[in-house]
Amino acid sequence: MAAFAHSAPCWVDVQLSDLEAGKRFYGGLFGWTFRAGDGMPFADAYSDGRLVAALAAKQDGRMPTTWGVYFSTDDIRATVALIRTAGGQVITDPVRAGRAGVLAQAADPGGAVFGLWQAGDRAGFEKQNEPGAFCWTEVYTRQPERVDAFYEEVFGFLGTDLDLGGAPGGDPGAAEAGADFRMWSPAGTEPGPDTAIGGRSVITDAFPEMLPSYFLSYFAVADCVRAADTAVRLGGRISAPPFDIPYGRMAVLQDDQGAAFAVLQPTELLP
């Protein structure tokens, strides 16, 4: 399995109250198959036989039902130290996950939670940017200036500012409110859409005041409209119905337990 560049999104997992129900939902939506963890309350998800994500049973009912994204790091302890000095919060100090690698959890200055992963035997995704697999992530925040500076310091991201309507994660309500969007490219690349691996959007007044900062992760699909309809048939909800953007057609969905995610039908797969 290929190693991931430092700061690249390399993994996603979802915390669920009912693991078996989650397997039925995502198996029906994305065609995923699952392999249970060895004596552990989680299941690895596979698309076309390649590792794409994990579903985990919540160990505490107070935990949010949510998708989490992990960024690759070559030195997790150094990254944790940078998070603290840059104004973030370390939620879980580095802990070894057997021979697979070392993980930690943190929050940016706006409160959005993300993970860190230093690979051991497991690098992360075996499939991405293809139907049934992760393709994009973005953070929604009310503090864009602080958050931009944080990710640039911690991960070395290089930003490209765009009108929100032209960004992969742009949603119509925020675009109407005039919010901006920043794409992130890894250090050492020419910043822009061709190298971007994630982005930052703004939580505007169009959203409820109690909505916290959060990461929204995207999965590529062959047919966005069909995916949205299938999610509803499986007990999920549509938060933002399918709409076209310069990079394809997207929708924001919730699974049957309330975890939010987005689907994107890339431009090359549009009719």
C-alpha atoms as a PDB file:
ATOM      1  CA  MET A   1       0.000   0.000   0.000  1.00  0.00           C
ATOM      2  CA  ALA A   2       1.391   3.395  -0.989  1.00  0.00           C
ATOM      3  CA  ALA A   3       2.359   5.806   1.755  1.00  0.00           C
ATOM      4  CA  PHE A   4       0.508   9.105   2.027  1.00  0.00           C
ATOM      5  CA  ALA A   5       2.228  12.459   1.856  1.00  0.00           C
ATOM      6  CA  HIS A   6       2.468  14.382   5.092  1.00  0.00           C
ATOM      7  CA  SER A   7      -0.801  16.307   5.733  1.00  0.00           C
ATOM      8  CA  ALA A   8      -2.858  14.381   3.152  1.00  0.00           C
ATOM      9  CA  PRO A   9      -6.261  13.016   4.204  1.00  0.00           C
ATOM     10  CA  CYS A  10      -5.611   9.305   4.561  1.00  0.00           C
ATOM     11  CA  TRP A  11      -8.577   7.799   6.415  1.00  0.00           C
ATOM     12  CA  VAL A  12     -12.206   8.255   7.469  1.00  0.00           C
ATOM     13  CA  ASP A  13     -14.375   6.440   9.960  1.00  0.00           C
ATOM     14  CA  VAL A  14     -17.850   6.867  11.376  1.00  0.00           C
ATOM     15  CA  GLN A  15     -19.023   6.451  14.979  1.00  0.00           C
ATOM     16  CA  LEU A  16     -22.431   4.766  15.155  1.00  0.00           C
ATOM     17  CA  SER A  17     -24.828   3.576  17.836  1.00  0.00           C
ATOM     18  CA  ASP A  18     -25.820   0.523  15.783  1.00  0.00           C
ATOM     19  CA  LEU A  19     -22.920  -1.000  13.884  1.00  0.00           C
ATOM     20  CA  GLU A  20     -24.996  -3.646  12.092  1.00  0.00           C
ATOM     21  CA  ALA A  21     -27.505  -1.038  10.911  1.00  0.00           C
ATOM     22  CA  GLY A  22     -24.587   1.046   9.627  1.00  0.00           C
ATOM     23  CA  LYS A  23     -23.281  -1.906   7.631  1.00  0.00           C
ATOM     24  CA  ARG A  24     -26.701  -2.372   6.031  1.00  0.00           C
ATOM     25  CA  PHE A  25     -26.966   1.335   5.155  1.00  0.00           C
ATOM     26  CA  TYR A  26     -23.507   1.838   3.669  1.00  0.00           C
ATOM     27  CA  GLY A  27     -23.489  -1.595   2.072  1.00  0.00           C
ATOM     28  CA  GLY A  28     -26.735  -0.685   0.326  1.00  0.00           C
ATOM     29  CA  LEU A  29     -25.599   2.820  -0.603  1.00  0.00           C
ATOM     30  CA  PHE A  30     -22.011   2.291  -1.754  1.00  0.00           C
ATOM     31  CA  GLY A  31     -21.899  -1.467  -2.266  1.00  0.00           C
ATOM     32  CA  TRP A  32     -19.341  -1.799   0.520  1.00  0.00           C
ATOM     33  CA  THR A  33     -18.449  -5.151   2.010  1.00  0.00           C
ATOM     34  CA  PHE A  34     -17.162  -5.469   5.561  1.00  0.00           C
ATOM     35  CA  ARG A  35     -14.621  -7.332   7.606  1.00  0.00           C
ATOM     36  CA  ALA A  36     -15.033  -7.290  11.370  1.00  0.00           C
ATOM     37  CA  GLY A  37     -12.174  -6.168  13.590  1.00  0.00           C
ATOM     38  CA  ASP A  38     -10.452  -8.886  15.586  1.00  0.00           C
ATOM     39  CA  GLY A  39     -12.558  -8.892  18.725  1.00  0.00           C
ATOM     40  CA  MET A  40     -13.101  -5.146  18.393  1.00  0.00           C
ATOM     41  CA  PRO A  41     -16.403  -3.265  17.875  1.00  0.00           C
ATOM     42  CA  PHE A  42     -15.643  -1.982  14.404  1.00  0.00           C
ATOM     43  CA  ALA A  43     -15.730  -3.129  10.808  1.00  0.00           C
ATOM     44  CA  ASP A  44     -13.401  -2.237   7.947  1.00  0.00           C
ATOM     45  CA  ALA A  45     -15.237  -1.278   4.757  1.00  0.00           C
ATOM     46  CA  TYR A  46     -14.107  -2.386   1.297  1.00  0.00           C
ATOM     47  CA  SER A  47     -15.042  -1.242  -2.192  1.00  0.00           C
ATOM     48  CA  ASP A  48     -14.024  -3.552  -5.036  1.00  0.00           C
ATOM     49  CA  GLY A  49     -11.930  -5.423  -2.494  1.00  0.00           C
ATOM     50  CA  ARG A  50      -9.970  -2.323  -1.463  1.00  0.00           C
ATOM     51  CA  LEU A  51     -10.021  -0.676   1.950  1.00  0.00           C
ATOM     52  CA  VAL A  52     -11.975   2.608   2.008  1.00  0.00           C
ATOM     53  CA  ALA A  53     -13.228   3.364   5.555  1.00  0.00           C
ATOM     54  CA  ALA A  54     -14.261   1.920   8.908  1.00  0.00           C
ATOM     55  CA  LEU A  55     -17.497   1.789  10.863  1.00  0.00           C
ATOM     56  CA  ALA A  56     -17.155   1.792  14.652  1.00  0.00           C
ATOM     57  CA  ALA A  57     -19.664   1.168  17.432  1.00  0.00           C
ATOM     58  CA  LYS A  58     -19.766   4.076  19.868  1.00  0.00           C
ATOM     59  CA  GLN A  59     -18.361   3.151  23.260  1.00  0.00           C
ATOM     60  CA  ASP A  60     -20.178   6.031  24.924  1.00  0.00           C
ATOM     61  CA  GLY A  61     -23.698   7.054  23.946  1.00  0.00           C
ATOM     62  CA  ARG A  62     -22.776  10.697  24.521  1.00  0.00           C
ATOM     63  CA  MET A  63     -20.313  10.592  21.621  1.00  0.00           C
ATOM     64  CA  PRO A  64     -21.536  12.297  18.446  1.00  0.00           C
ATOM     65  CA  THR A  65     -22.717  10.200  15.524  1.00  0.00           C
ATOM     66  CA  THR A  66     -20.335  11.545  12.943  1.00  0.00           C
ATOM     67  CA  TRP A  67     -17.791  10.883  10.233  1.00  0.00           C
ATOM     68  CA  GLY A  68     -14.214  11.704  11.188  1.00  0.00           C
ATOM     69  CA  VAL A  69     -11.277  12.415   8.893  1.00  0.00           C
ATOM     70  CA  TYR A  70      -7.596  11.688   9.599  1.00  0.00           C
ATOM     71  CA  PHE A  71      -4.558  13.487   8.187  1.00  0.00           C
ATOM     72  CA  SER A  72      -1.298  11.674   7.600  1.00  0.00           C
ATOM     73  CA  THR A  73       1.775  12.737   9.563  1.00  0.00           C
ATOM     74  CA  ASP A  74       5.367  11.568   9.470  1.00  0.00           C
ATOM     75  CA  ASP A  75       5.878  12.508  13.132  1.00  0.00           C
ATOM     76  CA  ILE A  76       2.686  12.483  15.159  1.00  0.00           C
ATOM     77  CA  ARG A  77       4.260  13.820  18.358  1.00  0.00           C
ATOM     78  CA  ALA A  78       5.738  16.790  16.523  1.00  0.00           C
ATOM     79  CA  THR A  79       2.375  17.485  14.880  1.00  0.00           C
ATOM     80  CA  VAL A  80       0.617  17.306  18.258  1.00  0.00           C
ATOM     81  CA  ALA A  81       3.104  19.844  19.639  1.00  0.00           C
ATOM     82  CA  LEU A  82       2.413  22.142  16.668  1.00  0.00           C
ATOM     83  CA  ILE A  83      -1.332  21.857  17.261  1.00  0.00           C
ATOM     84  CA  ARG A  84      -0.901  23.088  20.828  1.00  0.00           C
ATOM     85  CA  THR A  85       1.348  26.011  19.909  1.00  0.00           C
ATOM     86  CA  ALA A  86      -0.923  27.012  17.005  1.00  0.00           C
ATOM     87  CA  GLY A  87      -3.963  27.370  19.267  1.00  0.00           C
ATOM     88  CA  GLY A  88      -5.605  23.998  18.775  1.00  0.00           C
ATOM     89  CA  GLN A  89      -6.606  21.430  21.381  1.00  0.00           C
ATOM     90  CA  VAL A  90      -5.337  17.870  21.673  1.00  0.00           C
ATOM     91  CA  ILE A  91      -8.268  15.632  22.562  1.00  0.00           C
ATOM     92  CA  THR A  92      -6.466  12.296  22.531  1.00  0.00           C
ATOM     93  CA  ASP A  93      -2.695  12.067  22.869  1.00  0.00           C
ATOM     94  CA  PRO A  94      -0.923   9.704  20.469  1.00  0.00           C
ATOM     95  CA  VAL A  95      -1.844   6.075  21.078  1.00  0.00           C
ATOM     96  CA  ARG A  96      -0.609   3.029  19.225  1.00  0.00           C
ATOM     97  CA  ALA A  97      -3.189   0.965  17.340  1.00  0.00           C
ATOM     98  CA  GLY A  98      -1.234  -2.254  17.371  1.00  0.00           C
ATOM     99  CA  ARG A  99       1.049  -2.624  14.361  1.00  0.00           C
ATOM    100  CA  ALA A 100      -1.328  -0.599  12.173  1.00  0.00           C
ATOM    101  CA  GLY A 101       0.001   2.787  13.292  1.00  0.00           C
ATOM    102  CA  VAL A 102      -0.367   5.598  15.822  1.00  0.00           C
ATOM    103  CA  LEU A 103      -3.388   7.889  16.080  1.00  0.00           C
ATOM    104  CA  ALA A 104      -4.414  11.046  17.889  1.00  0.00           C
ATOM    105  CA  GLN A 105      -7.418  13.369  17.867  1.00  0.00           C
ATOM    106  CA  ALA A 106      -7.411  17.139  17.983  1.00  0.00           C
ATOM    107  CA  ALA A 107      -9.578  20.205  17.421  1.00  0.00           C
ATOM    108  CA  ASP A 108      -8.728  23.398  15.561  1.00  0.00           C
ATOM    109  CA  PRO A 109      -9.226  26.857  17.162  1.00  0.00           C
ATOM    110  CA  GLY A 110     -12.821  26.897  15.920  1.00  0.00           C
ATOM    111  CA  GLY A 111     -13.613  23.540  17.543  1.00  0.00           C
ATOM    112  CA  ALA A 112     -13.681  21.259  14.478  1.00  0.00           C
ATOM    113  CA  VAL A 113     -12.381  17.798  15.367  1.00  0.00           C
ATOM    114  CA  PHE A 114      -9.978  15.832  13.160  1.00  0.00           C
ATOM    115  CA  GLY A 115      -7.604  12.918  13.530  1.00  0.00           C
ATOM    116  CA  LEU A 116      -3.913  12.309  12.924  1.00  0.00           C
ATOM    117  CA  TRP A 117      -2.461   9.061  11.639  1.00  0.00           C
ATOM    118  CA  GLN A 118       1.164   7.968  11.573  1.00  0.00           C
ATOM    119  CA  ALA A 119       1.233   4.837   9.480  1.00  0.00           C
ATOM    120  CA  GLY A 120       2.644   1.524  10.560  1.00  0.00           C
ATOM    121  CA  ASP A 121       1.429  -1.515   8.659  1.00  0.00           C
ATOM    122  CA  ARG A 122      -1.674   0.401   7.523  1.00  0.00           C
ATOM    123  CA  ALA A 123      -1.170   3.559   5.462  1.00  0.00           C
ATOM    124  CA  GLY A 124      -4.852   4.390   5.020  1.00  0.00           C
ATOM    125  CA  PHE A 125      -7.162   4.221   2.013  1.00  0.00           C
ATOM    126  CA  GLU A 126      -6.437   1.610  -0.629  1.00  0.00           C
ATOM    127  CA  LYS A 127      -8.963   3.295  -2.938  1.00  0.00           C
ATOM    128  CA  GLN A 128      -9.935   6.963  -3.239  1.00  0.00           C
ATOM    129  CA  ASN A 129     -11.245   9.432  -5.831  1.00  0.00           C
ATOM    130  CA  GLU A 130     -13.295   6.659  -7.421  1.00  0.00           C
ATOM    131  CA  PRO A 131     -16.991   5.740  -6.984  1.00  0.00           C
ATOM    132  CA  GLY A 132     -17.547   4.210  -3.567  1.00  0.00           C
ATOM    133  CA  ALA A 133     -14.531   5.871  -1.972  1.00  0.00           C
ATOM    134  CA  PHE A 134     -13.446   9.076  -0.240  1.00  0.00           C
ATOM    135  CA  CYS A 135     -12.692  12.002  -2.538  1.00  0.00           C
ATOM    136  CA  TRP A 136     -12.688  15.283  -0.550  1.00  0.00           C
ATOM    137  CA  THR A 137     -13.000  16.879   2.895  1.00  0.00           C
ATOM    138  CA  GLU A 138     -13.592  20.401   4.134  1.00  0.00           C
ATOM    139  CA  VAL A 139     -13.956  22.153   7.446  1.00  0.00           C
ATOM    140  CA  TYR A 140     -16.872  24.482   8.194  1.00  0.00           C
ATOM    141  CA  THR A 141     -15.997  27.237  10.657  1.00  0.00           C
ATOM    142  CA  ARG A 142     -17.068  30.634  11.960  1.00  0.00           C
ATOM    143  CA  GLN A 143     -13.449  31.706  12.449  1.00  0.00           C
ATOM    144  CA  PRO A 144     -11.851  31.455   8.987  1.00  0.00           C
ATOM    145  CA  GLU A 145      -8.859  33.705   9.705  1.00  0.00           C
ATOM    146  CA  ARG A 146      -7.798  31.784  12.817  1.00  0.00           C
ATOM    147  CA  VAL A 147      -8.503  28.429  11.224  1.00  0.00           C
ATOM    148  CA  ASP A 148      -6.606  29.268   8.022  1.00  0.00           C
ATOM    149  CA  ALA A 149      -3.544  30.279  10.014  1.00  0.00           C
ATOM    150  CA  PHE A 150      -3.819  27.135  12.140  1.00  0.00           C
ATOM    151  CA  TYR A 151      -3.839  24.650   9.262  1.00  0.00           C
ATOM    152  CA  GLU A 152      -1.152  26.531   7.402  1.00  0.00           C
ATOM    153  CA  GLU A 153       1.108  26.326  10.468  1.00  0.00           C
ATOM    154  CA  VAL A 154       0.305  22.762  11.498  1.00  0.00           C
ATOM    155  CA  PHE A 155       0.162  21.068   8.087  1.00  0.00           C
ATOM    156  CA  GLY A 156       1.879  23.581   5.822  1.00  0.00           C
ATOM    157  CA  PHE A 157      -1.224  23.954   3.670  1.00  0.00           C
ATOM    158  CA  LEU A 158      -1.143  26.494   0.851  1.00  0.00           C
ATOM    159  CA  GLY A 159      -4.449  28.241   0.256  1.00  0.00           C
ATOM    160  CA  THR A 160      -6.338  29.213  -2.889  1.00  0.00           C
ATOM    161  CA  ASP A 161      -9.350  31.464  -2.265  1.00  0.00           C
ATOM    162  CA  LEU A 162     -12.412  30.977  -4.456  1.00  0.00           C
ATOM    163  CA  ASP A 163     -15.982  32.159  -4.683  1.00  0.00           C
ATOM    164  CA  LEU A 164     -17.918  29.541  -2.728  1.00  0.00           C
ATOM    165  CA  GLY A 165     -20.098  28.645  -5.669  1.00  0.00           C
ATOM    166  CA  GLY A 166     -16.995  27.433  -7.496  1.00  0.00           C
ATOM    167  CA  ALA A 167     -15.691  25.168  -4.746  1.00  0.00           C
ATOM    168  CA  PRO A 168     -16.277  21.432  -4.453  1.00  0.00           C
ATOM    169  CA  GLY A 169     -17.936  21.925  -1.081  1.00  0.00           C
ATOM    170  CA  GLY A 170     -19.944  25.031  -1.863  1.00  0.00           C
ATOM    171  CA  ASP A 171     -23.519  24.850  -0.628  1.00  0.00           C
ATOM    172  CA  PRO A 172     -26.232  27.128  -2.029  1.00  0.00           C
ATOM    173  CA  GLY A 173     -27.276  28.718   1.262  1.00  0.00           C
ATOM    174  CA  ALA A 174     -23.766  29.762   2.174  1.00  0.00           C
ATOM    175  CA  ALA A 175     -23.047  30.969  -1.337  1.00  0.00           C
ATOM    176  CA  GLU A 176     -26.077  33.255  -1.236  1.00  0.00           C
ATOM    177  CA  ALA A 177     -24.810  34.664   2.054  1.00  0.00           C
ATOM    178  CA  GLY A 178     -21.571  35.678   0.315  1.00  0.00           C
ATOM    179  CA  ALA A 179     -19.236  33.351   2.201  1.00  0.00           C
ATOM    180  CA  ASP A 180     -15.777  32.580   0.858  1.00  0.00           C
ATOM    181  CA  PHE A 181     -14.031  29.263   0.352  1.00  0.00           C
ATOM    182  CA  ARG A 182     -10.386  28.280   0.556  1.00  0.00           C
ATOM    183  CA  MET A 183      -8.866  25.233  -1.078  1.00  0.00           C
ATOM    184  CA  TRP A 184      -5.864  23.597   0.576  1.00  0.00           C
ATOM    185  CA  SER A 185      -2.866  22.236  -1.302  1.00  0.00           C
ATOM    186  CA  PRO A 186       0.011  20.386   0.407  1.00  0.00           C
ATOM    187  CA  ALA A 187       3.324  22.108   1.042  1.00  0.00           C
ATOM    188  CA  GLY A 188       5.711  21.846  -1.881  1.00  0.00           C
ATOM    189  CA  THR A 189       2.980  21.939  -4.542  1.00  0.00           C
ATOM    190  CA  GLU A 190       1.655  24.707  -6.747  1.00  0.00           C
ATOM    191  CA  PRO A 191      -1.546  25.760  -4.940  1.00  0.00           C
ATOM    192  CA  GLY A 192      -4.751  25.482  -6.912  1.00  0.00           C
ATOM    193  CA  PRO A 193      -7.597  23.126  -7.852  1.00  0.00           C
ATOM    194  CA  ASP A 194      -5.255  20.600  -9.486  1.00  0.00           C
ATOM    195  CA  THR A 195      -3.363  19.935  -6.253  1.00  0.00           C
ATOM    196  CA  ALA A 196      -6.059  20.640  -3.633  1.00  0.00           C
ATOM    197  CA  ILE A 197      -6.778  17.890  -1.102  1.00  0.00           C
ATOM    198  CA  GLY A 198      -9.384  19.673   1.042  1.00  0.00           C
ATOM    199  CA  GLY A 199     -10.845  23.001   1.894  1.00  0.00           C
ATOM    200  CA  ARG A 200     -12.323  25.483   4.351  1.00  0.00           C
ATOM    201  CA  SER A 201     -15.809  26.938   4.161  1.00  0.00           C
ATOM    202  CA  VAL A 202     -17.618  29.388   6.434  1.00  0.00           C
ATOM    203  CA  ILE A 203     -20.616  28.799   8.665  1.00  0.00           C
ATOM    204  CA  THR A 204     -22.758  31.830   7.944  1.00  0.00           C
ATOM    205  CA  ASP A 205     -25.830  33.328   9.566  1.00  0.00           C
ATOM    206  CA  ALA A 206     -27.887  31.062   7.297  1.00  0.00           C
ATOM    207  CA  PHE A 207     -27.094  28.228   9.731  1.00  0.00           C
ATOM    208  CA  PRO A 208     -28.351  27.815  13.325  1.00  0.00           C
ATOM    209  CA  GLU A 209     -26.177  29.503  15.962  1.00  0.00           C
ATOM    210  CA  MET A 210     -25.733  26.245  17.863  1.00  0.00           C
ATOM    211  CA  LEU A 211     -24.196  24.457  14.858  1.00  0.00           C
ATOM    212  CA  PRO A 212     -20.581  23.646  15.829  1.00  0.00           C
ATOM    213  CA  SER A 213     -17.587  23.710  13.514  1.00  0.00           C
ATOM    214  CA  TYR A 214     -17.153  20.393  11.735  1.00  0.00           C
ATOM    215  CA  PHE A 215     -15.505  18.478   8.924  1.00  0.00           C
ATOM    216  CA  LEU A 216     -17.665  17.241   6.044  1.00  0.00           C
ATOM    217  CA  SER A 217     -16.231  14.343   4.064  1.00  0.00           C
ATOM    218  CA  TYR A 218     -17.225  13.418   0.522  1.00  0.00           C
ATOM    219  CA  PHE A 219     -17.538  10.102  -1.281  1.00  0.00           C
ATOM    220  CA  ALA A 220     -17.440   9.793  -5.055  1.00  0.00           C
ATOM    221  CA  VAL A 221     -20.452   8.193  -6.728  1.00  0.00           C
ATOM    222  CA  ALA A 222     -21.359   7.295 -10.299  1.00  0.00           C
ATOM    223  CA  ASP A 223     -24.823   8.889 -10.029  1.00  0.00           C
ATOM    224  CA  CYS A 224     -25.515  11.593  -7.436  1.00  0.00           C
ATOM    225  CA  VAL A 225     -29.306  11.610  -7.862  1.00  0.00           C
ATOM    226  CA  ARG A 226     -29.498   7.846  -7.540  1.00  0.00           C
ATOM    227  CA  ALA A 227     -27.271   7.914  -4.458  1.00  0.00           C
ATOM    228  CA  ALA A 228     -29.509  10.507  -2.778  1.00  0.00           C
ATOM    229  CA  ASP A 229     -32.632   8.498  -3.601  1.00  0.00           C
ATOM    230  CA  THR A 230     -30.994   5.310  -2.333  1.00  0.00           C
ATOM    231  CA  ALA A 231     -29.984   6.986   0.935  1.00  0.00           C
ATOM    232  CA  VAL A 232     -33.615   7.953   1.562  1.00  0.00           C
ATOM    233  CA  ARG A 233     -34.842   4.477   0.689  1.00  0.00           C
ATOM    234  CA  LEU A 234     -32.380   3.063   3.242  1.00  0.00           C
ATOM    235  CA  GLY A 235     -33.692   5.368   5.974  1.00  0.00           C
ATOM    236  CA  GLY A 236     -31.366   8.335   5.551  1.00  0.00           C
ATOM    237  CA  ARG A 237     -32.122  11.977   4.831  1.00  0.00           C
ATOM    238  CA  ILE A 238     -31.185  14.580   2.224  1.00  0.00           C
ATOM    239  CA  SER A 239     -29.770  17.756   3.812  1.00  0.00           C
ATOM    240  CA  ALA A 240     -28.940  19.449   0.481  1.00  0.00           C
ATOM    241  CA  PRO A 241     -30.485  17.926  -2.660  1.00  0.00           C
ATOM    242  CA  PRO A 242     -28.317  17.296  -5.720  1.00  0.00           C
ATOM    243  CA  PHE A 243     -27.000  20.416  -7.423  1.00  0.00           C
ATOM    244  CA  ASP A 244     -24.348  21.100 -10.016  1.00  0.00           C
ATOM    245  CA  ILE A 245     -20.961  22.699  -9.321  1.00  0.00           C
ATOM    246  CA  PRO A 246     -17.955  23.149 -11.637  1.00  0.00           C
ATOM    247  CA  TYR A 247     -16.507  19.838 -10.408  1.00  0.00           C
ATOM    248  CA  GLY A 248     -19.616  17.715 -10.860  1.00  0.00           C
ATOM    249  CA  ARG A 249     -22.899  17.160  -9.045  1.00  0.00           C
ATOM    250  CA  MET A 250     -23.086  16.900  -5.255  1.00  0.00           C
ATOM    251  CA  ALA A 251     -25.539  16.355  -2.421  1.00  0.00           C
ATOM    252  CA  VAL A 252     -25.280  16.429   1.365  1.00  0.00           C
ATOM    253  CA  LEU A 253     -26.858  13.449   3.092  1.00  0.00           C
ATOM    254  CA  GLN A 254     -27.360  11.879   6.509  1.00  0.00           C
ATOM    255  CA  ASP A 255     -27.331   8.177   7.180  1.00  0.00           C
ATOM    256  CA  ASP A 256     -30.121   6.422   9.060  1.00  0.00           C
ATOM    257  CA  GLN A 257     -28.422   7.277  12.390  1.00  0.00           C
ATOM    258  CA  GLY A 258     -27.764  10.947  11.644  1.00  0.00           C
ATOM    259  CA  ALA A 259     -24.122  10.997  10.499  1.00  0.00           C
ATOM    260  CA  ALA A 260     -23.635  13.657   7.809  1.00  0.00           C
ATOM    261  CA  PHE A 261     -21.571  13.174   4.656  1.00  0.00           C
ATOM    262  CA  ALA A 262     -21.593  14.332   1.045  1.00  0.00           C
ATOM    263  CA  VAL A 263     -21.551  12.547  -2.282  1.00  0.00           C
ATOM    264  CA  LEU A 264     -19.969  13.891  -5.457  1.00  0.00           C
ATOM    265  CA  GLN A 265     -20.504  12.714  -9.002  1.00  0.00           C
ATOM    266  CA  PRO A 266     -17.391  13.998 -10.794  1.00  0.00           C
ATOM    267  CA  THR A 267     -17.793  16.002 -13.990  1.00  0.00           C
ATOM    268  CA  GLU A 268     -16.377  13.195 -16.129  1.00  0.00           C
ATOM    269  CA  LEU A 269     -19.194  10.900 -14.947  1.00  0.00           C
ATOM    270  CA  LEU A 270     -22.007  13.357 -15.693  1.00  0.00           C
ATOM    271  CA  PRO A 271     -24.221  12.527 -18.681  1.00  0.00           C
END
